[in-house]
Amino acid sequence: METNMAKKKINHRKRARRVWPRLVQIAQLKEFDTYGENAGSIGLHHRSAAWYLGVLQAECSRRGYPPLQALVVNKTLGKPGKGYTETSTTGPAYDKAVRQVWRYDWPKTAPF
């Protein structure tokens, strides 16, 4: 039996655009966001974040931007999850990526 939910296509690009301003603000404050806070800011469960953060990762990489999604971390571990592939999730490479994100002059709205 097929339901209406099964027919509805989820627009992860739209979700990525919705969280962009929040992440830009967090970058400007030189802070981090948790998956729960990030997803919750657009009314979603934290497990949804992997999909739209993957869109952000691809768009940042394609445009030569630092990995903005690096600022979204697991609340307990304080680091990104398995979907973050830009650098390792700990150590000097990750720390450097975060510093680049914090210093970057981000557009206020998503450029995609």
N, C-alpha and C. Protein backbone atom coordinates (compact mmCIF):
# COMPACT_ATOMS: atom_id res chain seq x y z
N MET A 1 0.84 -1.18 0.00
CA MET A 1 0.00 0.00 0.00
C MET A 1 0.89 1.25 0.00
N GLU A 2 0.67 2.14 -0.92
CA GLU A 2 1.47 3.35 -1.05
C GLU A 2 0.74 4.53 -0.41
N THR A 3 1.47 5.31 0.37
CA THR A 3 0.86 6.47 1.01
C THR A 3 1.30 7.75 0.31
N ASN A 4 0.65 8.84 0.64
CA ASN A 4 1.04 10.14 0.08
C ASN A 4 2.45 10.51 0.47
N MET A 5 2.90 10.12 1.68
CA MET A 5 4.26 10.42 2.14
C MET A 5 5.28 9.77 1.22
N ALA A 6 5.00 8.57 0.77
CA ALA A 6 5.94 7.86 -0.09
C ALA A 6 6.09 8.57 -1.43
N LYS A 7 5.09 9.30 -1.86
CA LYS A 7 5.12 9.98 -3.15
C LYS A 7 5.81 11.33 -3.08
N LYS A 8 5.88 11.91 -1.89
CA LYS A 8 6.44 13.25 -1.74
C LYS A 8 7.96 13.23 -1.85
N LYS A 9 8.49 14.04 -2.75
CA LYS A 9 9.93 14.14 -2.93
C LYS A 9 10.49 15.21 -2.00
N ILE A 10 11.53 14.86 -1.26
CA ILE A 10 12.15 15.80 -0.32
C ILE A 10 13.19 16.63 -1.07
N ASN A 11 13.13 17.93 -0.89
CA ASN A 11 14.04 18.85 -1.56
C ASN A 11 15.17 19.23 -0.60
N HIS A 12 16.27 18.49 -0.67
CA HIS A 12 17.39 18.73 0.23
C HIS A 12 18.11 20.04 -0.10
N ARG A 13 18.09 20.45 -1.35
CA ARG A 13 18.69 21.75 -1.72
C ARG A 13 17.94 22.89 -1.03
N LYS A 14 16.63 22.80 -1.01
CA LYS A 14 15.83 23.82 -0.34
C LYS A 14 16.15 23.86 1.15
N ARG A 15 16.28 22.69 1.75
CA ARG A 15 16.63 22.62 3.17
C ARG A 15 18.02 23.22 3.41
N ALA A 16 18.96 22.93 2.53
CA ALA A 16 20.31 23.48 2.65
C ALA A 16 20.27 25.01 2.56
N ARG A 17 19.46 25.53 1.66
CA ARG A 17 19.33 26.98 1.53
C ARG A 17 18.72 27.59 2.80
N ARG A 18 17.83 26.87 3.43
CA ARG A 18 17.18 27.38 4.64
C ARG A 18 18.15 27.46 5.82
N VAL A 19 19.10 26.54 5.93
CA VAL A 19 20.04 26.58 7.06
C VAL A 19 21.27 27.44 6.78
N TRP A 20 21.48 27.82 5.54
CA TRP A 20 22.64 28.63 5.17
C TRP A 20 22.80 29.87 6.06
N PRO A 21 21.78 30.75 6.18
CA PRO A 21 21.97 31.96 6.99
C PRO A 21 22.35 31.66 8.43
N ARG A 22 21.79 30.61 8.99
CA ARG A 22 22.12 30.22 10.37
C ARG A 22 23.60 29.84 10.46
N LEU A 23 24.08 29.04 9.52
CA LEU A 23 25.48 28.63 9.56
C LEU A 23 26.42 29.79 9.31
N VAL A 24 26.03 30.72 8.46
CA VAL A 24 26.85 31.91 8.23
C VAL A 24 26.96 32.71 9.54
N GLN A 25 25.86 32.86 10.23
CA GLN A 25 25.87 33.58 11.50
C GLN A 25 26.76 32.86 12.52
N ILE A 26 26.66 31.56 12.58
CA ILE A 26 27.48 30.78 13.50
C ILE A 26 28.96 30.92 13.15
N ALA A 27 29.26 30.95 11.86
CA ALA A 27 30.65 31.15 11.43
C ALA A 27 31.15 32.52 11.87
N GLN A 28 30.33 33.53 11.72
CA GLN A 28 30.73 34.88 12.11
C GLN A 28 30.97 34.98 13.62
N LEU A 29 30.23 34.20 14.39
CA LEU A 29 30.39 34.18 15.85
C LEU A 29 31.52 33.26 16.30
N LYS A 30 32.11 32.54 15.33
CA LYS A 30 33.17 31.57 15.61
C LYS A 30 32.70 30.52 16.62
N GLU A 31 31.55 29.95 16.31
CA GLU A 31 30.94 28.93 17.15
C GLU A 31 30.66 27.68 16.34
N PHE A 32 30.02 26.71 16.99
CA PHE A 32 29.60 25.47 16.36
C PHE A 32 28.10 25.29 16.56
N ASP A 33 27.51 24.42 15.77
CA ASP A 33 26.10 24.08 15.86
C ASP A 33 26.00 22.57 16.00
N THR A 34 25.00 22.08 16.70
CA THR A 34 24.81 20.63 16.77
C THR A 34 23.82 20.19 15.70
N TYR A 35 23.85 18.91 15.38
CA TYR A 35 22.89 18.39 14.40
C TYR A 35 21.46 18.67 14.85
N GLY A 36 21.20 18.47 16.14
CA GLY A 36 19.85 18.68 16.65
C GLY A 36 19.41 20.13 16.56
N GLU A 37 20.30 21.06 16.95
CA GLU A 37 19.96 22.48 16.87
C GLU A 37 19.78 22.91 15.42
N ASN A 38 20.66 22.44 14.56
CA ASN A 38 20.61 22.83 13.16
C ASN A 38 19.34 22.34 12.50
N ALA A 39 19.07 21.05 12.61
CA ALA A 39 17.86 20.49 12.01
C ALA A 39 16.61 21.07 12.66
N GLY A 40 16.65 21.22 13.98
CA GLY A 40 15.51 21.79 14.69
C GLY A 40 15.18 23.20 14.24
N SER A 41 16.17 23.94 13.80
CA SER A 41 15.94 25.32 13.37
C SER A 41 15.04 25.39 12.13
N ILE A 42 14.94 24.29 11.40
CA ILE A 42 14.03 24.25 10.24
C ILE A 42 12.94 23.19 10.42
N GLY A 43 12.73 22.81 11.69
CA GLY A 43 11.62 21.92 12.03
C GLY A 43 11.84 20.46 11.70
N LEU A 44 13.09 20.01 11.67
CA LEU A 44 13.39 18.63 11.31
C LEU A 44 14.07 17.87 12.45
N HIS A 45 14.04 16.56 12.36
CA HIS A 45 14.76 15.68 13.27
C HIS A 45 16.24 15.72 12.91
N HIS A 46 17.11 15.54 13.89
CA HIS A 46 18.56 15.64 13.64
C HIS A 46 19.06 14.66 12.60
N ARG A 47 18.39 13.54 12.42
CA ARG A 47 18.85 12.57 11.42
C ARG A 47 18.64 13.04 9.99
N SER A 48 17.84 14.07 9.81
CA SER A 48 17.64 14.64 8.47
C SER A 48 18.83 15.47 8.02
N ALA A 49 19.63 15.92 8.96
CA ALA A 49 20.72 16.86 8.65
C ALA A 49 21.72 16.30 7.65
N ALA A 50 22.02 15.03 7.72
CA ALA A 50 23.03 14.44 6.83
C ALA A 50 22.72 14.72 5.37
N TRP A 51 21.46 14.70 5.00
CA TRP A 51 21.08 14.87 3.60
C TRP A 51 21.32 16.30 3.11
N TYR A 52 20.80 17.27 3.85
CA TYR A 52 20.98 18.64 3.37
C TYR A 52 22.39 19.16 3.63
N LEU A 53 23.08 18.64 4.65
CA LEU A 53 24.48 19.03 4.85
C LEU A 53 25.36 18.46 3.74
N GLY A 54 24.96 17.33 3.19
CA GLY A 54 25.67 16.79 2.03
C GLY A 54 25.56 17.72 0.83
N VAL A 55 24.40 18.35 0.67
CA VAL A 55 24.23 19.34 -0.39
C VAL A 55 25.15 20.53 -0.14
N LEU A 56 25.19 21.00 1.11
CA LEU A 56 26.09 22.11 1.45
C LEU A 56 27.54 21.76 1.18
N GLN A 57 27.92 20.56 1.57
CA GLN A 57 29.30 20.12 1.35
C GLN A 57 29.65 20.14 -0.14
N ALA A 58 28.76 19.63 -0.96
CA ALA A 58 29.00 19.59 -2.41
C ALA A 58 29.05 21.00 -2.99
N GLU A 59 28.15 21.86 -2.57
CA GLU A 59 28.11 23.22 -3.10
C GLU A 59 29.33 24.02 -2.67
N CYS A 60 29.73 23.90 -1.42
CA CYS A 60 30.92 24.62 -0.95
C CYS A 60 32.15 24.14 -1.71
N SER A 61 32.27 22.86 -1.89
CA SER A 61 33.41 22.29 -2.61
C SER A 61 33.42 22.77 -4.06
N ARG A 62 32.27 22.70 -4.70
CA ARG A 62 32.15 23.09 -6.11
C ARG A 62 32.51 24.56 -6.33
N ARG A 63 32.21 25.41 -5.34
CA ARG A 63 32.45 26.84 -5.47
C ARG A 63 33.80 27.28 -4.91
N GLY A 64 34.56 26.34 -4.35
CA GLY A 64 35.86 26.68 -3.78
C GLY A 64 35.76 27.35 -2.42
N TYR A 65 34.62 27.20 -1.74
CA TYR A 65 34.42 27.75 -0.41
C TYR A 65 35.00 26.80 0.64
N PRO A 66 35.34 27.31 1.81
CA PRO A 66 35.66 26.41 2.92
C PRO A 66 34.43 25.57 3.27
N PRO A 67 34.61 24.45 3.96
CA PRO A 67 33.48 23.55 4.25
C PRO A 67 32.58 24.05 5.39
N LEU A 68 31.62 24.89 5.05
CA LEU A 68 30.71 25.49 6.03
C LEU A 68 30.06 24.44 6.93
N GLN A 69 29.76 23.28 6.38
CA GLN A 69 29.09 22.23 7.16
C GLN A 69 29.98 21.67 8.26
N ALA A 70 31.27 22.01 8.27
CA ALA A 70 32.19 21.55 9.32
C ALA A 70 31.79 22.08 10.69
N LEU A 71 30.98 23.12 10.71
CA LEU A 71 30.55 23.70 11.99
C LEU A 71 29.42 22.94 12.65
N VAL A 72 28.84 21.97 11.96
CA VAL A 72 27.74 21.18 12.53
C VAL A 72 28.33 19.89 13.09
N VAL A 73 28.16 19.73 14.40
CA VAL A 73 28.82 18.63 15.10
C VAL A 73 27.86 17.82 15.95
N ASN A 74 28.29 16.63 16.29
CA ASN A 74 27.57 15.76 17.22
C ASN A 74 27.63 16.40 18.61
N LYS A 75 26.51 16.47 19.28
CA LYS A 75 26.43 17.12 20.59
C LYS A 75 27.35 16.47 21.61
N THR A 76 27.45 15.17 21.58
CA THR A 76 28.26 14.44 22.56
C THR A 76 29.74 14.44 22.20
N LEU A 77 30.04 14.18 20.94
CA LEU A 77 31.43 14.03 20.51
C LEU A 77 32.10 15.35 20.12
N GLY A 78 31.30 16.35 19.76
CA GLY A 78 31.85 17.64 19.37
C GLY A 78 32.57 17.63 18.04
N LYS A 79 32.21 16.69 17.18
CA LYS A 79 32.82 16.63 15.85
C LYS A 79 31.79 16.21 14.83
N PRO A 80 32.05 16.47 13.55
CA PRO A 80 31.10 16.07 12.51
C PRO A 80 30.99 14.55 12.41
N GLY A 81 29.92 14.11 11.78
CA GLY A 81 29.68 12.69 11.60
C GLY A 81 30.35 12.13 10.35
N LYS A 82 29.98 10.90 10.02
CA LYS A 82 30.60 10.18 8.89
C LYS A 82 30.40 10.85 7.54
N GLY A 83 29.33 11.61 7.39
CA GLY A 83 29.06 12.24 6.11
C GLY A 83 30.00 13.38 5.77
N TYR A 84 30.68 13.90 6.77
CA TYR A 84 31.65 14.98 6.54
C TYR A 84 32.92 14.37 5.99
N THR A 85 33.26 14.70 4.75
CA THR A 85 34.40 14.06 4.09
C THR A 85 35.45 15.06 3.61
N GLU A 86 35.28 16.32 3.94
CA GLU A 86 36.19 17.35 3.45
C GLU A 86 37.60 17.19 4.03
N THR A 87 37.68 16.86 5.31
CA THR A 87 38.95 16.58 5.99
C THR A 87 38.66 15.47 6.99
N SER A 88 39.66 15.08 7.77
CA SER A 88 39.35 14.20 8.89
C SER A 88 38.47 15.01 9.85
N THR A 89 37.84 14.35 10.80
CA THR A 89 36.95 15.08 11.71
C THR A 89 37.66 15.52 12.99
N THR A 90 38.94 15.24 13.09
CA THR A 90 39.73 15.69 14.24
C THR A 90 41.12 16.06 13.75
N GLY A 91 41.86 16.73 14.60
CA GLY A 91 43.25 17.01 14.29
C GLY A 91 43.47 18.28 13.50
N PRO A 92 44.72 18.49 13.07
CA PRO A 92 45.11 19.75 12.43
C PRO A 92 44.34 20.09 11.16
N ALA A 93 44.04 19.11 10.33
CA ALA A 93 43.33 19.41 9.07
C ALA A 93 41.92 19.93 9.35
N TYR A 94 41.23 19.31 10.29
CA TYR A 94 39.88 19.77 10.65
C TYR A 94 39.95 21.14 11.31
N ASP A 95 40.88 21.33 12.23
CA ASP A 95 41.04 22.62 12.90
C ASP A 95 41.30 23.74 11.89
N LYS A 96 42.12 23.46 10.90
CA LYS A 96 42.43 24.44 9.85
C LYS A 96 41.17 24.76 9.04
N ALA A 97 40.41 23.73 8.70
CA ALA A 97 39.17 23.94 7.94
C ALA A 97 38.20 24.83 8.72
N VAL A 98 38.06 24.58 10.01
CA VAL A 98 37.17 25.38 10.85
C VAL A 98 37.65 26.84 10.89
N ARG A 99 38.93 27.05 11.05
CA ARG A 99 39.45 28.43 11.05
C ARG A 99 39.17 29.12 9.71
N GLN A 100 39.30 28.39 8.61
CA GLN A 100 39.00 28.97 7.30
C GLN A 100 37.52 29.36 7.20
N VAL A 101 36.67 28.49 7.72
CA VAL A 101 35.22 28.78 7.71
C VAL A 101 34.95 30.04 8.53
N TRP A 102 35.54 30.14 9.70
CA TRP A 102 35.31 31.30 10.56
C TRP A 102 35.80 32.60 9.94
N ARG A 103 36.88 32.56 9.16
CA ARG A 103 37.47 33.77 8.57
C ARG A 103 36.82 34.17 7.24
N TYR A 104 36.13 33.25 6.59
CA TYR A 104 35.62 33.49 5.25
C TYR A 104 34.53 34.56 5.25
N ASP A 105 34.48 35.34 4.19
CA ASP A 105 33.45 36.36 4.01
C ASP A 105 32.27 35.73 3.26
N TRP A 106 31.36 35.14 4.02
CA TRP A 106 30.25 34.37 3.46
C TRP A 106 29.14 35.24 2.88
N PRO A 107 28.56 34.83 1.75
CA PRO A 107 27.33 35.49 1.29
C PRO A 107 26.22 35.22 2.30
N LYS A 108 25.37 36.20 2.53
CA LYS A 108 24.31 36.06 3.54
C LYS A 108 23.25 35.04 3.12
N THR A 109 23.02 34.91 1.83
CA THR A 109 22.06 33.93 1.34
C THR A 109 22.80 32.87 0.52
N ALA A 110 22.23 31.70 0.48
CA ALA A 110 22.85 30.60 -0.25
C ALA A 110 22.99 30.93 -1.73
N PRO A 111 24.16 30.72 -2.30
CA PRO A 111 24.38 31.05 -3.72
C PRO A 111 23.98 29.91 -4.67
N PHE A 112 23.07 29.08 -4.25
CA PHE A 112 22.62 27.97 -5.09
C PHE A 112 21.13 27.79 -4.96
